[in-house]
All heavy atoms as atom14 arrays in JSON, in Angstrom:
{
  "sequence": "AAAELNDEGRRNKFYYARRLLPFLTNLLFGTRLTDEATC",
  "atom14_mask": [
    [1, 1, 1, 1, 1, 0, 0, 0, 0, 0, 0, 0, 0, 0],
    [1, 1, 1, 1, 1, 0, 0, 0, 0, 0, 0, 0, 0, 0],
    [1, 1, 1, 1, 1, 0, 0, 0, 0, 0, 0, 0, 0, 0],
    [1, 1, 1, 1, 1, 1, 1, 1, 1, 0, 0, 0, 0, 0],
    [1, 1, 1, 1, 1, 1, 1, 1, 0, 0, 0, 0, 0, 0],
    [1, 1, 1, 1, 1, 1, 1, 1, 0, 0, 0, 0, 0, 0],
    [1, 1, 1, 1, 1, 1, 1, 1, 0, 0, 0, 0, 0, 0],
    [1, 1, 1, 1, 1, 1, 1, 1, 1, 0, 0, 0, 0, 0],
    [1, 1, 1, 1, 0, 0, 0, 0, 0, 0, 0, 0, 0, 0],
    [1, 1, 1, 1, 1, 1, 1, 1, 1, 1, 1, 0, 0, 0],
    [1, 1, 1, 1, 1, 1, 1, 1, 1, 1, 1, 0, 0, 0],
    [1, 1, 1, 1, 1, 1, 1, 1, 0, 0, 0, 0, 0, 0],
    [1, 1, 1, 1, 1, 1, 1, 1, 1, 0, 0, 0, 0, 0],
    [1, 1, 1, 1, 1, 1, 1, 1, 1, 1, 1, 0, 0, 0],
    [1, 1, 1, 1, 1, 1, 1, 1, 1, 1, 1, 1, 0, 0],
    [1, 1, 1, 1, 1, 1, 1, 1, 1, 1, 1, 1, 0, 0],
    [1, 1, 1, 1, 1, 0, 0, 0, 0, 0, 0, 0, 0, 0],
    [1, 1, 1, 1, 1, 1, 1, 1, 1, 1, 1, 0, 0, 0],
    [1, 1, 1, 1, 1, 1, 1, 1, 1, 1, 1, 0, 0, 0],
    [1, 1, 1, 1, 1, 1, 1, 1, 0, 0, 0, 0, 0, 0],
    [1, 1, 1, 1, 1, 1, 1, 1, 0, 0, 0, 0, 0, 0],
    [1, 1, 1, 1, 1, 1, 1, 0, 0, 0, 0, 0, 0, 0],
    [1, 1, 1, 1, 1, 1, 1, 1, 1, 1, 1, 0, 0, 0],
    [1, 1, 1, 1, 1, 1, 1, 1, 0, 0, 0, 0, 0, 0],
    [1, 1, 1, 1, 1, 1, 1, 0, 0, 0, 0, 0, 0, 0],
    [1, 1, 1, 1, 1, 1, 1, 1, 0, 0, 0, 0, 0, 0],
    [1, 1, 1, 1, 1, 1, 1, 1, 0, 0, 0, 0, 0, 0],
    [1, 1, 1, 1, 1, 1, 1, 1, 0, 0, 0, 0, 0, 0],
    [1, 1, 1, 1, 1, 1, 1, 1, 1, 1, 1, 0, 0, 0],
    [1, 1, 1, 1, 0, 0, 0, 0, 0, 0, 0, 0, 0, 0],
    [1, 1, 1, 1, 1, 1, 1, 0, 0, 0, 0, 0, 0, 0],
    [1, 1, 1, 1, 1, 1, 1, 1, 1, 1, 1, 0, 0, 0],
    [1, 1, 1, 1, 1, 1, 1, 1, 0, 0, 0, 0, 0, 0],
    [1, 1, 1, 1, 1, 1, 1, 0, 0, 0, 0, 0, 0, 0],
    [1, 1, 1, 1, 1, 1, 1, 1, 0, 0, 0, 0, 0, 0],
    [1, 1, 1, 1, 1, 1, 1, 1, 1, 0, 0, 0, 0, 0],
    [1, 1, 1, 1, 1, 0, 0, 0, 0, 0, 0, 0, 0, 0],
    [1, 1, 1, 1, 1, 1, 1, 0, 0, 0, 0, 0, 0, 0],
    [1, 1, 1, 1, 1, 1, 0, 0, 0, 0, 0, 0, 0, 0]
  ],
  "atom14_positions": [
    [[68.49, -49.32, 96.04], [67.98, -49.27, 94.72], [68.23, -47.87, 94.05], [68.64, -47.79, 92.92], [66.44, -49.61, 94.58], [0.0, 0.0, 0.0], [0.0, 0.0, 0.0], [0.0, 0.0, 0.0], [0.0, 0.0, 0.0], [0.0, 0.0, 0.0], [0.0, 0.0, 0.0], [0.0, 0.0, 0.0], [0.0, 0.0, 0.0], [0.0, 0.0, 0.0]],
    [[68.17, -46.89, 94.78], [68.34, -45.51, 94.32], [69.82, -45.31, 93.97], [70.21, -44.5, 93.06], [67.83, -44.42, 95.36], [0.0, 0.0, 0.0], [0.0, 0.0, 0.0], [0.0, 0.0, 0.0], [0.0, 0.0, 0.0], [0.0, 0.0, 0.0], [0.0, 0.0, 0.0], [0.0, 0.0, 0.0], [0.0, 0.0, 0.0], [0.0, 0.0, 0.0]],
    [[70.69, -45.92, 94.69], [72.12, -45.77, 94.4], [72.62, -46.18, 93.04], [73.59, -45.73, 92.48], [72.97, -46.6, 95.49], [0.0, 0.0, 0.0], [0.0, 0.0, 0.0], [0.0, 0.0, 0.0], [0.0, 0.0, 0.0], [0.0, 0.0, 0.0], [0.0, 0.0, 0.0], [0.0, 0.0, 0.0], [0.0, 0.0, 0.0], [0.0, 0.0, 0.0]],
    [[71.75, -47.09, 92.42], [72.01, -47.57, 91.02], [71.57, -46.55, 90.07], [71.91, -46.65, 88.88], [71.31, -48.91, 90.87], [71.84, -50.02, 91.78], [71.04, -51.24, 91.5], [70.23, -51.27, 90.68], [71.23, -52.23, 92.29], [0.0, 0.0, 0.0], [0.0, 0.0, 0.0], [0.0, 0.0, 0.0], [0.0, 0.0, 0.0], [0.0, 0.0, 0.0]],
    [[70.76, -45.57, 90.4], [70.26, -44.58, 89.54], [70.94, -43.29, 89.49], [70.74, -42.57, 88.42], [68.79, -44.21, 89.89], [67.78, -45.45, 89.94], [66.4, -44.92, 90.4], [67.68, -46.12, 88.64], [0.0, 0.0, 0.0], [0.0, 0.0, 0.0], [0.0, 0.0, 0.0], [0.0, 0.0, 0.0], [0.0, 0.0, 0.0], [0.0, 0.0, 0.0]],
    [[71.78, -42.9, 90.41], [72.31, -41.59, 90.55], [73.63, -41.53, 91.16], [74.28, -42.64, 91.47], [71.29, -40.66, 91.22], [70.95, -41.17, 92.52], [71.78, -41.43, 93.44], [69.65, -41.47, 92.72], [0.0, 0.0, 0.0], [0.0, 0.0, 0.0], [0.0, 0.0, 0.0], [0.0, 0.0, 0.0], [0.0, 0.0, 0.0], [0.0, 0.0, 0.0]],
    [[74.21, -40.31, 91.49], [75.48, -40.16, 91.93], [75.5, -39.87, 93.46], [76.45, -39.22, 93.96], [76.14, -39.0, 91.2], [75.52, -37.62, 91.45], [74.5, -37.59, 92.03], [76.11, -36.62, 90.99], [0.0, 0.0, 0.0], [0.0, 0.0, 0.0], [0.0, 0.0, 0.0], [0.0, 0.0, 0.0], [0.0, 0.0, 0.0], [0.0, 0.0, 0.0]],
    [[74.42, -40.26, 94.12], [74.28, -39.86, 95.51], [75.37, -40.54, 96.42], [75.65, -40.06, 97.54], [72.88, -40.24, 95.98], [72.63, -39.95, 97.47], [72.9, -38.5, 97.91], [72.81, -37.57, 97.01], [73.17, -38.23, 99.02], [0.0, 0.0, 0.0], [0.0, 0.0, 0.0], [0.0, 0.0, 0.0], [0.0, 0.0, 0.0], [0.0, 0.0, 0.0]],
    [[76.07, -41.51, 95.92], [77.12, -42.17, 96.7], [78.31, -41.28, 96.9], [79.13, -41.5, 97.69], [0.0, 0.0, 0.0], [0.0, 0.0, 0.0], [0.0, 0.0, 0.0], [0.0, 0.0, 0.0], [0.0, 0.0, 0.0], [0.0, 0.0, 0.0], [0.0, 0.0, 0.0], [0.0, 0.0, 0.0], [0.0, 0.0, 0.0], [0.0, 0.0, 0.0]],
    [[78.36, -40.2, 96.11], [79.49, -39.22, 96.25], [79.42, -38.55, 97.58], [78.36, -38.04, 98.0], [79.44, -38.15, 95.09], [80.63, -37.19, 95.04], [80.49, -36.41, 93.71], [79.24, -35.79, 93.63], [79.1, -34.54, 93.42], [80.14, -33.79, 93.26], [77.9, -33.98, 93.2], [0.0, 0.0, 0.0], [0.0, 0.0, 0.0], [0.0, 0.0, 0.0]],
    [[80.53, -38.51, 98.27], [80.52, -38.0, 99.65], [80.79, -36.52, 99.68], [81.94, -36.02, 99.87], [81.56, -38.72, 100.46], [81.49, -40.22, 100.62], [80.13, -40.57, 101.36], [80.1, -41.94, 101.84], [79.69, -42.98, 101.19], [79.13, -42.87, 100.04], [79.76, -44.15, 101.71], [0.0, 0.0, 0.0], [0.0, 0.0, 0.0], [0.0, 0.0, 0.0]],
    [[79.78, -35.65, 99.38], [79.93, -34.24, 99.5], [79.47, -33.8, 100.9], [79.14, -34.57, 101.68], [79.16, -33.47, 98.41], [77.69, -33.77, 98.43], [77.12, -34.09, 99.47], [76.99, -33.6, 97.32], [0.0, 0.0, 0.0], [0.0, 0.0, 0.0], [0.0, 0.0, 0.0], [0.0, 0.0, 0.0], [0.0, 0.0, 0.0], [0.0, 0.0, 0.0]],
    [[79.53, -32.52, 101.12], [79.32, -32.07, 102.54], [77.88, -32.19, 103.02], [77.62, -32.19, 104.2], [79.72, -30.59, 102.69], [78.88, -29.67, 101.86], [79.39, -28.22, 102.23], [78.38, -27.12, 101.51], [78.81, -25.75, 101.82], [0.0, 0.0, 0.0], [0.0, 0.0, 0.0], [0.0, 0.0, 0.0], [0.0, 0.0, 0.0], [0.0, 0.0, 0.0]],
    [[77.02, -32.46, 102.06], [75.6, -32.64, 102.4], [75.29, -34.08, 102.67], [74.15, -34.36, 103.15], [74.64, -32.02, 101.32], [74.96, -30.59, 101.0], [75.57, -30.25, 99.75], [74.57, -29.64, 101.83], [75.82, -28.98, 99.5], [74.84, -28.29, 101.59], [75.49, -27.91, 100.4], [0.0, 0.0, 0.0], [0.0, 0.0, 0.0], [0.0, 0.0, 0.0]],
    [[76.12, -35.01, 102.21], [75.81, -36.46, 102.27], [75.47, -36.93, 103.72], [74.45, -37.53, 103.97], [76.93, -37.26, 101.66], [76.82, -38.67, 101.75], [76.01, -39.4, 100.8], [77.35, -39.49, 102.84], [75.9, -40.79, 100.84], [77.1, -40.79, 102.9], [76.44, -41.44, 101.9], [76.28, -42.79, 101.96], [0.0, 0.0, 0.0], [0.0, 0.0, 0.0]],
    [[76.34, -36.52, 104.61], [76.16, -37.08, 105.91], [74.98, -36.45, 106.72], [74.29, -37.14, 107.49], [77.46, -36.77, 106.8], [78.63, -37.56, 106.19], [79.52, -36.96, 105.39], [78.72, -38.96, 106.36], [80.62, -37.63, 104.84], [79.8, -39.64, 105.75], [80.67, -38.94, 105.02], [81.77, -39.65, 104.41], [0.0, 0.0, 0.0], [0.0, 0.0, 0.0]],
    [[74.63, -35.22, 106.41], [73.26, -34.7, 106.94], [72.18, -35.48, 106.41], [71.18, -35.73, 107.13], [73.3, -33.23, 106.61], [0.0, 0.0, 0.0], [0.0, 0.0, 0.0], [0.0, 0.0, 0.0], [0.0, 0.0, 0.0], [0.0, 0.0, 0.0], [0.0, 0.0, 0.0], [0.0, 0.0, 0.0], [0.0, 0.0, 0.0], [0.0, 0.0, 0.0]],
    [[72.24, -35.81, 105.13], [71.08, -36.55, 104.49], [70.93, -37.94, 105.14], [69.85, -38.46, 105.23], [71.3, -36.68, 102.99], [70.98, -35.38, 102.29], [70.87, -35.61, 100.76], [72.14, -35.81, 100.09], [72.83, -34.83, 99.47], [72.42, -33.64, 99.48], [73.99, -35.16, 98.85], [0.0, 0.0, 0.0], [0.0, 0.0, 0.0], [0.0, 0.0, 0.0]],
    [[72.1, -38.52, 105.62], [72.09, -39.73, 106.29], [71.59, -39.65, 107.75], [70.92, -40.49, 108.23], [73.45, -40.43, 106.27], [73.85, -40.99, 104.9], [73.07, -42.16, 104.4], [73.48, -42.74, 103.22], [72.94, -43.76, 102.62], [71.95, -44.39, 103.13], [73.42, -44.2, 101.4], [0.0, 0.0, 0.0], [0.0, 0.0, 0.0], [0.0, 0.0, 0.0]],
    [[71.93, -38.52, 108.37], [71.56, -38.37, 109.79], [70.08, -38.16, 109.93], [69.51, -38.77, 110.86], [72.35, -37.11, 110.39], [71.87, -36.66, 111.75], [72.12, -37.72, 112.77], [72.55, -35.37, 112.09], [0.0, 0.0, 0.0], [0.0, 0.0, 0.0], [0.0, 0.0, 0.0], [0.0, 0.0, 0.0], [0.0, 0.0, 0.0], [0.0, 0.0, 0.0]],
    [[69.5, -37.43, 109.03], [68.02, -37.07, 109.23], [67.11, -38.23, 109.2], [66.21, -38.33, 110.04], [67.7, -35.96, 108.23], [68.37, -34.62, 108.47], [68.03, -33.73, 107.31], [67.91, -34.03, 109.79], [0.0, 0.0, 0.0], [0.0, 0.0, 0.0], [0.0, 0.0, 0.0], [0.0, 0.0, 0.0], [0.0, 0.0, 0.0], [0.0, 0.0, 0.0]],
    [[67.28, -39.18, 108.28], [66.34, -40.32, 108.33], [66.57, -41.21, 109.63], [65.63, -41.73, 110.12], [66.58, -41.1, 107.06], [67.91, -40.65, 106.59], [67.98, -39.19, 107.05], [0.0, 0.0, 0.0], [0.0, 0.0, 0.0], [0.0, 0.0, 0.0], [0.0, 0.0, 0.0], [0.0, 0.0, 0.0], [0.0, 0.0, 0.0], [0.0, 0.0, 0.0]],
    [[67.86, -41.28, 109.96], [68.2, -42.06, 111.18], [67.45, -41.44, 112.43], [66.77, -42.17, 113.21], [69.65, -42.1, 111.5], [70.01, -42.65, 112.84], [70.12, -44.05, 112.98], [70.33, -41.85, 113.81], [70.41, -44.5, 114.21], [70.68, -42.35, 115.2], [70.72, -43.72, 115.26], [0.0, 0.0, 0.0], [0.0, 0.0, 0.0], [0.0, 0.0, 0.0]],
    [[67.49, -40.15, 112.56], [66.81, -39.42, 113.67], [65.34, -39.55, 113.55], [64.63, -39.74, 114.57], [67.36, -38.0, 113.69], [66.74, -37.12, 114.8], [67.1, -37.7, 116.22], [67.25, -35.68, 114.67], [0.0, 0.0, 0.0], [0.0, 0.0, 0.0], [0.0, 0.0, 0.0], [0.0, 0.0, 0.0], [0.0, 0.0, 0.0], [0.0, 0.0, 0.0]],
    [[64.86, -39.38, 112.37], [63.36, -39.55, 112.08], [62.86, -40.92, 112.52], [61.85, -41.02, 113.25], [63.03, -39.32, 110.64], [63.5, -37.95, 110.2], [61.58, -39.35, 110.41], [0.0, 0.0, 0.0], [0.0, 0.0, 0.0], [0.0, 0.0, 0.0], [0.0, 0.0, 0.0], [0.0, 0.0, 0.0], [0.0, 0.0, 0.0], [0.0, 0.0, 0.0]],
    [[63.57, -41.9, 112.09], [63.14, -43.27, 112.4], [63.24, -43.5, 113.95], [62.36, -44.14, 114.51], [64.15, -44.24, 111.72], [63.88, -44.19, 110.24], [62.92, -43.79, 109.73], [64.93, -44.72, 109.52], [0.0, 0.0, 0.0], [0.0, 0.0, 0.0], [0.0, 0.0, 0.0], [0.0, 0.0, 0.0], [0.0, 0.0, 0.0], [0.0, 0.0, 0.0]],
    [[64.2, -42.97, 114.66], [64.37, -43.04, 116.08], [63.35, -42.31, 116.74], [62.68, -42.91, 117.76], [65.73, -42.54, 116.54], [66.1, -42.61, 117.95], [66.21, -44.04, 118.39], [67.37, -41.79, 118.25], [0.0, 0.0, 0.0], [0.0, 0.0, 0.0], [0.0, 0.0, 0.0], [0.0, 0.0, 0.0], [0.0, 0.0, 0.0], [0.0, 0.0, 0.0]],
    [[62.84, -41.13, 116.39], [61.89, -40.4, 117.07], [60.46, -40.79, 116.71], [59.58, -40.77, 117.64], [62.02, -38.93, 116.72], [63.24, -38.21, 117.27], [63.36, -36.8, 116.66], [63.23, -38.09, 118.74], [0.0, 0.0, 0.0], [0.0, 0.0, 0.0], [0.0, 0.0, 0.0], [0.0, 0.0, 0.0], [0.0, 0.0, 0.0], [0.0, 0.0, 0.0]],
    [[60.18, -41.25, 115.54], [58.79, -41.49, 115.15], [58.49, -42.98, 114.67], [57.34, -43.33, 114.38], [58.46, -40.68, 113.97], [58.62, -39.13, 114.26], [59.75, -38.49, 113.91], [57.57, -38.48, 114.88], [59.88, -37.12, 114.25], [57.65, -37.1, 115.16], [58.83, -36.42, 114.83], [0.0, 0.0, 0.0], [0.0, 0.0, 0.0], [0.0, 0.0, 0.0]],
    [[59.45, -43.83, 114.83], [59.23, -45.29, 114.54], [58.99, -45.53, 112.95], [58.38, -46.53, 112.66], [0.0, 0.0, 0.0], [0.0, 0.0, 0.0], [0.0, 0.0, 0.0], [0.0, 0.0, 0.0], [0.0, 0.0, 0.0], [0.0, 0.0, 0.0], [0.0, 0.0, 0.0], [0.0, 0.0, 0.0], [0.0, 0.0, 0.0], [0.0, 0.0, 0.0]],
    [[59.45, -44.57, 112.14], [59.31, -44.8, 110.74], [60.47, -45.63, 110.18], [61.37, -46.03, 110.96], [59.42, -43.41, 110.01], [60.48, -42.7, 110.44], [58.13, -42.63, 110.33], [0.0, 0.0, 0.0], [0.0, 0.0, 0.0], [0.0, 0.0, 0.0], [0.0, 0.0, 0.0], [0.0, 0.0, 0.0], [0.0, 0.0, 0.0], [0.0, 0.0, 0.0]],
    [[60.47, -45.96, 108.87], [61.59, -46.68, 108.29], [62.04, -46.01, 107.08], [62.15, -46.6, 105.9], [61.05, -48.14, 107.98], [60.49, -48.91, 109.24], [60.09, -50.27, 108.91], [61.37, -51.07, 108.47], [61.15, -52.37, 108.08], [60.0, -53.0, 108.15], [62.2, -53.03, 107.7], [0.0, 0.0, 0.0], [0.0, 0.0, 0.0], [0.0, 0.0, 0.0]],
    [[62.34, -44.75, 107.11], [62.7, -43.9, 106.04], [64.17, -44.13, 105.73], [65.05, -44.34, 106.62], [62.44, -42.47, 106.27], [61.01, -42.02, 106.34], [60.91, -40.53, 106.67], [60.26, -42.3, 105.13], [0.0, 0.0, 0.0], [0.0, 0.0, 0.0], [0.0, 0.0, 0.0], [0.0, 0.0, 0.0], [0.0, 0.0, 0.0], [0.0, 0.0, 0.0]],
    [[64.54, -44.01, 104.42], [65.93, -43.93, 104.04], [66.31, -42.53, 103.66], [67.52, -42.15, 103.54], [66.33, -44.85, 102.83], [65.47, -44.44, 101.67], [65.97, -46.32, 103.16], [0.0, 0.0, 0.0], [0.0, 0.0, 0.0], [0.0, 0.0, 0.0], [0.0, 0.0, 0.0], [0.0, 0.0, 0.0], [0.0, 0.0, 0.0], [0.0, 0.0, 0.0]],
    [[65.31, -41.61, 103.36], [65.68, -40.31, 102.89], [64.52, -39.31, 103.33], [63.54, -39.23, 102.68], [65.86, -40.26, 101.4], [66.35, -38.98, 100.75], [66.61, -38.05, 101.62], [66.51, -38.9, 99.59], [0.0, 0.0, 0.0], [0.0, 0.0, 0.0], [0.0, 0.0, 0.0], [0.0, 0.0, 0.0], [0.0, 0.0, 0.0], [0.0, 0.0, 0.0]],
    [[64.8, -38.62, 104.46], [63.83, -37.72, 104.97], [63.83, -36.32, 104.3], [62.86, -35.68, 104.03], [64.03, -37.42, 106.5], [62.97, -36.66, 107.2], [63.01, -35.22, 106.88], [64.21, -34.63, 106.88], [61.94, -34.58, 106.68], [0.0, 0.0, 0.0], [0.0, 0.0, 0.0], [0.0, 0.0, 0.0], [0.0, 0.0, 0.0], [0.0, 0.0, 0.0]],
    [[65.03, -35.85, 103.92], [65.33, -34.55, 103.44], [65.04, -34.4, 101.86], [65.16, -33.34, 101.28], [66.69, -34.06, 103.62], [0.0, 0.0, 0.0], [0.0, 0.0, 0.0], [0.0, 0.0, 0.0], [0.0, 0.0, 0.0], [0.0, 0.0, 0.0], [0.0, 0.0, 0.0], [0.0, 0.0, 0.0], [0.0, 0.0, 0.0], [0.0, 0.0, 0.0]],
    [[64.55, -35.42, 101.26], [64.2, -35.44, 99.85], [63.26, -34.31, 99.51], [62.22, -34.05, 100.26], [63.7, -36.8, 99.32], [63.4, -36.67, 97.93], [62.46, -37.17, 100.11], [0.0, 0.0, 0.0], [0.0, 0.0, 0.0], [0.0, 0.0, 0.0], [0.0, 0.0, 0.0], [0.0, 0.0, 0.0], [0.0, 0.0, 0.0], [0.0, 0.0, 0.0]],
    [[63.45, -33.6, 98.35], [62.41, -32.69, 97.9], [61.19, -33.37, 97.49], [60.03, -32.92, 97.74], [63.04, -31.89, 96.71], [61.75, -31.04, 95.78], [0.0, 0.0, 0.0], [0.0, 0.0, 0.0], [0.0, 0.0, 0.0], [0.0, 0.0, 0.0], [0.0, 0.0, 0.0], [0.0, 0.0, 0.0], [0.0, 0.0, 0.0], [0.0, 0.0, 0.0]]
  ]
}
């Protein structure tokens, strides 16, 4: 849903880190986050 609101789909150097962090968070803590590093 957020992809329809903004330009986050652009693959800059921070994009993959933003994807990695929720994956790791979910793996470690059993959460279901899509964005851990959000402000």
